[in-house]
């Protein structure tokens, strides 16, 4: 369960439109909007350094934020950050306002542990992390910060699947493949790269086949 909130300092802005957004950027801030929960969008502005700090931390797509807007705390998810095509500086940000009991679509990162203890890796095996993130449907009060993968008991040719992850109790994966593979330990031979590529290809094909409207062979 995700109970901790990260507070970001934001302030409201009065005007919408391209001209107002340019004025906000000239003032050294990034224009943004908070939408959702069946409420009118709230226009905000935020220091670009705050945005970049969160992006560098990783896992920001599933992190819960508290945004104090005009003295009222708003719980939200950071949904989209638009970057300048040349400088990669943030130029706009979207937050989704959250309401109690609401189900939301989030992308949760995979956190690997026990790699140094894995028998297969000690014997020269190669870790193949097929999925670095998993898209899930979660209750706003139970958004996991990450899913944990324990590799400590894995030998060569062993794998970790969805059911083996820690932290999945309150979420539903959007990928419609039963108990899909997260990571494998490939053998320490020239074939290791080929096996890793084959596993990744098989996962991609299975994912494509599971999408609505996909043609079945």
Protein backbone atom coordinates (compact mmCIF):
# COMPACT_ATOMS: atom_id res chain seq x y z
CA UNK A 1 0.00 0.00 0.00
CA UNK A 2 1.27 3.44 -0.89
CA UNK A 3 0.66 5.75 2.06
CA UNK A 4 3.42 8.33 1.74
CA UNK A 5 2.79 11.52 -0.16
CA UNK A 6 5.47 13.63 -1.78
CA UNK A 7 4.65 17.32 -1.46
CA UNK A 8 5.48 19.56 -4.41
CA UNK A 9 5.36 23.33 -4.13
CA UNK A 10 3.05 24.74 -6.79
CA UNK A 11 1.09 27.96 -7.17
CA UNK A 12 -2.05 28.77 -9.11
CA UNK A 13 -2.10 30.87 -12.27
CA UNK A 14 -5.07 32.85 -13.45
CA UNK A 15 -4.95 32.68 -17.23
CA UNK A 16 -4.94 29.89 -19.81
CA UNK A 17 -3.74 30.02 -23.38
CA UNK A 18 -0.41 30.12 -25.22
CA UNK A 19 0.32 33.73 -24.34
CA UNK A 20 -0.14 33.13 -20.63
CA UNK A 21 1.95 29.96 -20.82
CA UNK A 22 4.80 31.83 -22.52
CA UNK A 23 4.65 34.51 -19.84
CA UNK A 24 4.91 31.81 -17.16
CA UNK A 25 7.99 30.34 -18.83
CA UNK A 26 9.59 33.78 -19.15
CA UNK A 27 9.18 34.07 -15.38
CA UNK A 28 11.25 30.87 -15.02
CA UNK A 29 8.33 28.58 -14.18
CA UNK A 30 6.56 25.71 -15.95
CA UNK A 31 2.82 26.01 -16.68
CA UNK A 32 0.67 23.04 -15.77
CA UNK A 33 -2.83 21.78 -15.11
CA UNK A 34 -4.53 19.54 -12.55
CA UNK A 35 -7.50 17.68 -14.03
CA UNK A 36 -9.86 14.86 -13.07
CA UNK A 37 -12.16 13.78 -10.21
CA UNK A 38 -15.08 15.42 -12.05
CA UNK A 39 -13.83 18.90 -11.17
CA UNK A 40 -12.87 21.88 -13.27
CA UNK A 41 -9.19 21.91 -14.30
CA UNK A 42 -6.91 23.92 -12.04
CA UNK A 43 -4.15 25.97 -13.68
CA UNK A 44 -0.83 25.87 -11.86
CA UNK A 45 2.83 26.80 -12.23
CA UNK A 46 5.87 25.02 -10.81
CA UNK A 47 9.65 25.36 -10.64
CA UNK A 48 11.25 23.26 -13.43
CA UNK A 49 13.97 22.07 -11.01
CA UNK A 50 11.30 20.37 -8.91
CA UNK A 51 10.03 18.46 -11.97
CA UNK A 52 13.51 17.37 -13.04
CA UNK A 53 14.33 16.19 -9.51
CA UNK A 54 11.27 13.91 -9.54
CA UNK A 55 12.06 12.54 -12.98
CA UNK A 56 15.64 11.73 -11.96
CA UNK A 57 14.35 9.85 -8.88
CA UNK A 58 12.48 7.42 -11.11
CA UNK A 59 9.11 5.84 -10.39
CA UNK A 60 7.34 9.19 -10.72
CA UNK A 61 4.54 7.70 -12.82
CA UNK A 62 3.17 5.83 -9.79
CA UNK A 63 4.22 8.22 -7.00
CA UNK A 64 1.47 9.98 -5.05
CA UNK A 65 1.85 13.75 -4.81
CA UNK A 66 0.26 16.37 -2.63
CA UNK A 67 -0.06 19.74 -4.30
CA UNK A 68 -0.99 22.63 -1.98
CA UNK A 69 -2.99 24.95 -4.25
CA UNK A 70 -4.19 28.18 -2.62
CA UNK A 71 -4.02 26.53 0.77
CA UNK A 72 -5.96 23.42 -0.25
CA UNK A 73 -4.00 20.15 -0.56
CA UNK A 74 -4.72 18.20 -3.74
CA UNK A 75 -3.71 14.54 -4.08
CA UNK A 76 -2.57 13.75 -7.61
CA UNK A 77 -0.46 11.68 -9.98
CA UNK A 78 2.06 13.23 -12.35
CA UNK A 79 0.74 12.15 -15.74
CA UNK A 80 2.70 13.88 -18.50
CA UNK A 81 5.74 16.11 -18.74
CA UNK A 82 6.31 17.86 -22.05
CA UNK A 83 9.98 18.57 -22.77
CA UNK A 84 11.58 21.10 -25.09
CA UNK A 85 12.70 19.27 -28.27
CA UNK A 86 16.20 20.77 -28.13
CA UNK A 87 17.04 21.45 -24.48
CA UNK A 88 14.90 18.73 -22.85
CA UNK A 89 13.77 21.32 -20.30
CA UNK A 90 10.20 20.86 -18.98
CA UNK A 91 7.74 23.17 -20.75
CA UNK A 92 4.39 21.83 -19.49
CA UNK A 93 3.13 19.37 -16.90
CA UNK A 94 -0.17 17.54 -16.31
CA UNK A 95 -1.38 16.14 -12.99
CA UNK A 96 -4.42 13.92 -12.48
CA UNK A 97 -6.47 14.76 -9.40
CA UNK A 98 -7.41 11.65 -7.39
CA UNK A 99 -10.67 10.91 -5.62
CA UNK A 100 -11.10 8.30 -2.83
CA UNK A 101 -12.20 4.91 -4.16
CA UNK A 102 -11.22 5.73 -7.73
CA UNK A 103 -9.41 3.20 -9.93
CA UNK A 104 -6.49 4.58 -11.93
CA UNK A 105 -4.15 3.30 -14.62
CA UNK A 106 -0.52 3.57 -13.48
CA UNK A 107 2.86 2.34 -14.67
CA UNK A 108 4.79 0.72 -11.81
CA UNK A 109 8.54 0.12 -11.98
CA UNK A 110 10.28 -3.18 -11.22
CA UNK A 111 12.81 -3.16 -8.36
CA UNK A 112 15.34 -6.02 -8.41
CA UNK A 113 16.84 -7.47 -5.21
CA UNK A 114 19.01 -10.49 -4.39
CA UNK A 115 21.00 -10.33 -7.61
CA UNK A 116 24.33 -10.81 -5.78
CA UNK A 117 22.96 -13.97 -4.07
CA UNK A 118 21.40 -15.69 -7.08
CA UNK A 119 23.07 -19.09 -7.70
CA UNK A 120 22.59 -18.74 -11.44
CA UNK A 121 24.36 -15.37 -11.57
CA UNK A 122 27.16 -16.65 -9.33
CA UNK A 123 27.72 -19.41 -11.89
CA UNK A 124 28.03 -16.84 -14.66
CA UNK A 125 24.40 -16.60 -15.73
CA UNK A 126 23.05 -13.42 -17.25
CA UNK A 127 20.04 -11.56 -15.85
CA UNK A 128 17.48 -10.76 -18.52
CA UNK A 129 14.97 -8.25 -17.13
CA UNK A 130 12.22 -8.51 -19.72
CA UNK A 131 9.92 -5.93 -18.11
CA UNK A 132 11.23 -2.83 -16.37
CA UNK A 133 7.68 -1.62 -15.68
CA UNK A 134 4.17 -3.09 -15.56
CA UNK A 135 0.95 -1.22 -16.32
CA UNK A 136 -1.77 -1.92 -13.77
CA UNK A 137 -5.18 -0.76 -12.57
CA UNK A 138 -5.01 0.29 -8.92
CA UNK A 139 -7.13 1.88 -6.23
CA UNK A 140 -5.85 5.36 -5.41
CA UNK A 141 -5.30 4.31 -1.80
CA UNK A 142 -3.23 1.26 -2.80
CA UNK A 143 -0.84 2.43 -5.51
CA UNK A 144 2.46 0.56 -5.07
CA UNK A 145 5.67 2.54 -5.29
CA UNK A 146 7.28 -0.43 -7.09
CA UNK A 147 7.08 -4.20 -7.55
CA UNK A 148 9.94 -6.18 -5.99
CA UNK A 149 11.69 -9.03 -7.81
CA UNK A 150 13.68 -11.39 -5.56
CA UNK A 151 16.41 -13.18 -7.53
CA UNK A 152 18.21 -14.71 -4.54
CA UNK A 153 17.11 -18.30 -5.25
CA UNK A 154 17.18 -18.27 -9.06
CA UNK A 155 19.45 -20.62 -10.97
CA UNK A 156 20.24 -20.70 -14.67
CA UNK A 157 17.07 -21.11 -16.78
CA UNK A 158 14.86 -20.06 -13.85
CA UNK A 159 12.47 -17.15 -14.21
CA UNK A 160 10.35 -14.72 -12.23
CA UNK A 161 6.69 -14.30 -13.19
CA UNK A 162 3.91 -11.90 -12.24
CA UNK A 163 2.72 -14.17 -9.41
CA UNK A 164 6.24 -14.11 -7.90
CA UNK A 165 6.35 -10.32 -7.49
CA UNK A 166 5.95 -8.63 -4.13
CA UNK A 167 3.50 -5.74 -3.86
CA UNK A 168 0.80 -6.86 -6.32
CA UNK A 169 -1.95 -7.57 -3.78
CA UNK A 170 -4.20 -4.60 -4.59
CA UNK A 171 -3.68 -4.18 -8.34
CA UNK A 172 -4.76 -5.81 -11.61
CA UNK A 173 -2.28 -6.05 -14.51
CA UNK A 174 -3.54 -4.65 -17.80
CA UNK A 175 -1.54 -7.17 -19.81
CA UNK A 176 -3.94 -10.03 -20.56
CA UNK A 177 -1.38 -12.84 -20.39
CA UNK A 178 -1.68 -15.30 -17.49
CA UNK A 179 1.31 -15.10 -15.10
CA UNK A 180 3.60 -13.41 -17.63
CA UNK A 181 7.41 -13.49 -17.35
CA UNK A 182 9.26 -10.61 -15.66
CA UNK A 183 12.87 -11.80 -15.64
CA UNK A 184 15.00 -14.85 -16.50
CA UNK A 185 18.53 -16.09 -15.82
CA UNK A 186 20.18 -17.04 -19.12
CA UNK A 187 23.12 -19.48 -19.36
CA UNK A 188 26.71 -18.13 -19.44
CA UNK A 189 27.44 -19.08 -23.05
CA UNK A 190 27.41 -17.47 -26.44
CA UNK A 191 23.79 -18.59 -26.60
CA UNK A 192 22.89 -16.32 -23.68
CA UNK A 193 22.28 -13.30 -25.89
CA UNK A 194 20.26 -15.39 -28.33
CA UNK A 195 18.16 -16.81 -25.49
CA UNK A 196 17.58 -13.35 -24.04
CA UNK A 197 16.53 -12.01 -27.43
CA UNK A 198 14.22 -15.00 -27.96
CA UNK A 199 12.60 -14.49 -24.55
CA UNK A 200 12.08 -10.80 -25.21
CA UNK A 201 10.66 -11.55 -28.67
CA UNK A 202 8.29 -14.18 -27.25
CA UNK A 203 7.09 -11.73 -24.59
CA UNK A 204 6.52 -9.03 -27.22
CA UNK A 205 4.59 -11.43 -29.47
CA UNK A 206 2.45 -12.62 -26.56
CA UNK A 207 1.71 -9.04 -25.57
CA UNK A 208 0.74 -8.13 -29.13
CA UNK A 209 -1.51 -11.17 -29.39
CA UNK A 210 -3.26 -10.24 -26.15
CA UNK A 211 -4.27 -6.79 -27.37
CA UNK A 212 -7.92 -6.32 -28.40
CA UNK A 213 -8.41 -6.83 -32.11
CA UNK A 214 -5.17 -8.77 -32.57
CA UNK A 215 -5.31 -11.49 -35.25
CA UNK A 216 -4.99 -15.00 -33.92
CA UNK A 217 -2.86 -17.43 -35.88
